[in-house]
């Protein structure tokens, strides 16, 4: 019980430190958050996001079809 409480406290502290580093400590002129936002705003990143969305929709459609077929096959 005490071990899991200590473990949780350590994880929470590490998460807080990483969050602080990510949002407030500059790497060069900008923080890691600002670098991430600027990279995500590029045309290439936007195109990648669109491609991932299309691929996700394809996977969703395929999974829905397989589930529908499995339910129909397993019907009463």
C-alpha atoms as a PDB file:
ATOM      1  CA  UNK A   1       0.000   0.000   0.000  1.00  0.00           C
ATOM      2  CA  UNK A   2       2.715   2.479   0.976  1.00  0.00           C
ATOM      3  CA  UNK A   3       4.874   1.283  -1.909  1.00  0.00           C
ATOM      4  CA  UNK A   4       2.136   2.061  -4.452  1.00  0.00           C
ATOM      5  CA  UNK A   5       1.558   5.496  -2.868  1.00  0.00           C
ATOM      6  CA  UNK A   6       5.264   6.304  -3.137  1.00  0.00           C
ATOM      7  CA  UNK A   7       5.351   4.990  -6.691  1.00  0.00           C
ATOM      8  CA  UNK A   8       2.350   7.144  -7.640  1.00  0.00           C
ATOM      9  CA  UNK A   9       3.942  10.197  -6.041  1.00  0.00           C
ATOM     10  CA  UNK A  10       7.166   9.622  -7.979  1.00  0.00           C
ATOM     11  CA  UNK A  11       5.270   9.238 -11.264  1.00  0.00           C
ATOM     12  CA  UNK A  12       3.203  12.361 -10.575  1.00  0.00           C
ATOM     13  CA  UNK A  13       6.338  14.363  -9.692  1.00  0.00           C
ATOM     14  CA  UNK A  14       8.067  13.173 -12.872  1.00  0.00           C
ATOM     15  CA  UNK A  15       5.022  14.137 -14.925  1.00  0.00           C
ATOM     16  CA  UNK A  16       4.987  17.611 -13.362  1.00  0.00           C
ATOM     17  CA  UNK A  17       8.712  18.086 -14.052  1.00  0.00           C
ATOM     18  CA  UNK A  18       8.297  16.979 -17.672  1.00  0.00           C
ATOM     19  CA  UNK A  19       5.312  19.286 -18.094  1.00  0.00           C
ATOM     20  CA  UNK A  20       7.301  22.185 -16.689  1.00  0.00           C
ATOM     21  CA  UNK A  21      10.204  21.437 -19.023  1.00  0.00           C
ATOM     22  CA  UNK A  22       7.876  21.091 -22.025  1.00  0.00           C
ATOM     23  CA  UNK A  23       6.015  24.365 -21.490  1.00  0.00           C
ATOM     24  CA  UNK A  24       8.417  26.705 -19.715  1.00  0.00           C
ATOM     25  CA  UNK A  25      12.103  25.894 -20.368  1.00  0.00           C
ATOM     26  CA  UNK A  26      13.382  27.438 -23.591  1.00  0.00           C
ATOM     27  CA  UNK A  27      15.359  25.373 -26.087  1.00  0.00           C
ATOM     28  CA  UNK A  28      17.082  28.107 -28.016  1.00  0.00           C
ATOM     29  CA  UNK A  29      14.606  30.904 -28.609  1.00  0.00           C
ATOM     30  CA  UNK A  30      11.447  28.888 -27.945  1.00  0.00           C
ATOM     31  CA  UNK A  31      10.083  26.273 -25.582  1.00  0.00           C
ATOM     32  CA  UNK A  32       9.465  22.708 -26.728  1.00  0.00           C
ATOM     33  CA  UNK A  33       5.724  23.491 -26.852  1.00  0.00           C
ATOM     34  CA  UNK A  34       6.333  26.429 -29.197  1.00  0.00           C
ATOM     35  CA  UNK A  35       8.611  24.302 -31.408  1.00  0.00           C
ATOM     36  CA  UNK A  36       5.920  21.602 -31.560  1.00  0.00           C
ATOM     37  CA  UNK A  37       3.217  24.115 -32.519  1.00  0.00           C
ATOM     38  CA  UNK A  38       5.383  25.607 -35.274  1.00  0.00           C
ATOM     39  CA  UNK A  39       6.210  22.178 -36.699  1.00  0.00           C
ATOM     40  CA  UNK A  40       2.551  21.141 -36.616  1.00  0.00           C
ATOM     41  CA  UNK A  41       1.602  24.272 -38.565  1.00  0.00           C
ATOM     42  CA  UNK A  42       3.766  23.365 -41.575  1.00  0.00           C
ATOM     43  CA  UNK A  43       2.161  22.223 -44.814  1.00  0.00           C
ATOM     44  CA  UNK A  44       3.855  18.833 -44.576  1.00  0.00           C
ATOM     45  CA  UNK A  45       2.467  18.203 -41.091  1.00  0.00           C
ATOM     46  CA  UNK A  46      -1.002  19.265 -42.202  1.00  0.00           C
ATOM     47  CA  UNK A  47      -0.797  16.874 -45.176  1.00  0.00           C
ATOM     48  CA  UNK A  48       0.340  14.071 -42.872  1.00  0.00           C
ATOM     49  CA  UNK A  49      -2.592  14.763 -40.571  1.00  0.00           C
ATOM     50  CA  UNK A  50      -4.999  14.584 -43.505  1.00  0.00           C
ATOM     51  CA  UNK A  51      -3.465  11.297 -44.679  1.00  0.00           C
ATOM     52  CA  UNK A  52      -3.716   9.820 -41.186  1.00  0.00           C
ATOM     53  CA  UNK A  53      -7.378  10.851 -41.000  1.00  0.00           C
ATOM     54  CA  UNK A  54      -8.138   9.168 -44.321  1.00  0.00           C
ATOM     55  CA  UNK A  55      -6.313   5.999 -43.252  1.00  0.00           C
ATOM     56  CA  UNK A  56      -8.194   6.008 -39.945  1.00  0.00           C
ATOM     57  CA  UNK A  57     -11.501   6.256 -41.765  1.00  0.00           C
ATOM     58  CA  UNK A  58     -10.528   3.289 -43.959  1.00  0.00           C
ATOM     59  CA  UNK A  59      -9.625   1.217 -40.911  1.00  0.00           C
ATOM     60  CA  UNK A  60     -12.870   2.187 -39.202  1.00  0.00           C
ATOM     61  CA  UNK A  61     -14.896   1.159 -42.250  1.00  0.00           C
ATOM     62  CA  UNK A  62     -13.094  -2.177 -42.518  1.00  0.00           C
ATOM     63  CA  UNK A  63     -13.554  -2.951 -38.827  1.00  0.00           C
ATOM     64  CA  UNK A  64     -17.243  -2.030 -38.926  1.00  0.00           C
ATOM     65  CA  UNK A  65     -17.792  -4.279 -41.950  1.00  0.00           C
ATOM     66  CA  UNK A  66     -15.997  -7.203 -40.294  1.00  0.00           C
ATOM     67  CA  UNK A  67     -17.973  -6.749 -37.084  1.00  0.00           C
ATOM     68  CA  UNK A  68     -21.233  -6.513 -39.011  1.00  0.00           C
ATOM     69  CA  UNK A  69     -20.382  -9.683 -40.950  1.00  0.00           C
ATOM     70  CA  UNK A  70     -19.416 -11.477 -37.719  1.00  0.00           C
ATOM     71  CA  UNK A  71     -22.696 -10.498 -36.066  1.00  0.00           C
ATOM     72  CA  UNK A  72     -24.702 -11.582 -39.099  1.00  0.00           C
ATOM     73  CA  UNK A  73     -22.831 -14.927 -39.262  1.00  0.00           C
ATOM     74  CA  UNK A  74     -23.323 -15.532 -35.538  1.00  0.00           C
ATOM     75  CA  UNK A  75     -27.020 -14.656 -35.685  1.00  0.00           C
ATOM     76  CA  UNK A  76     -29.725 -16.830 -34.133  1.00  0.00           C
END
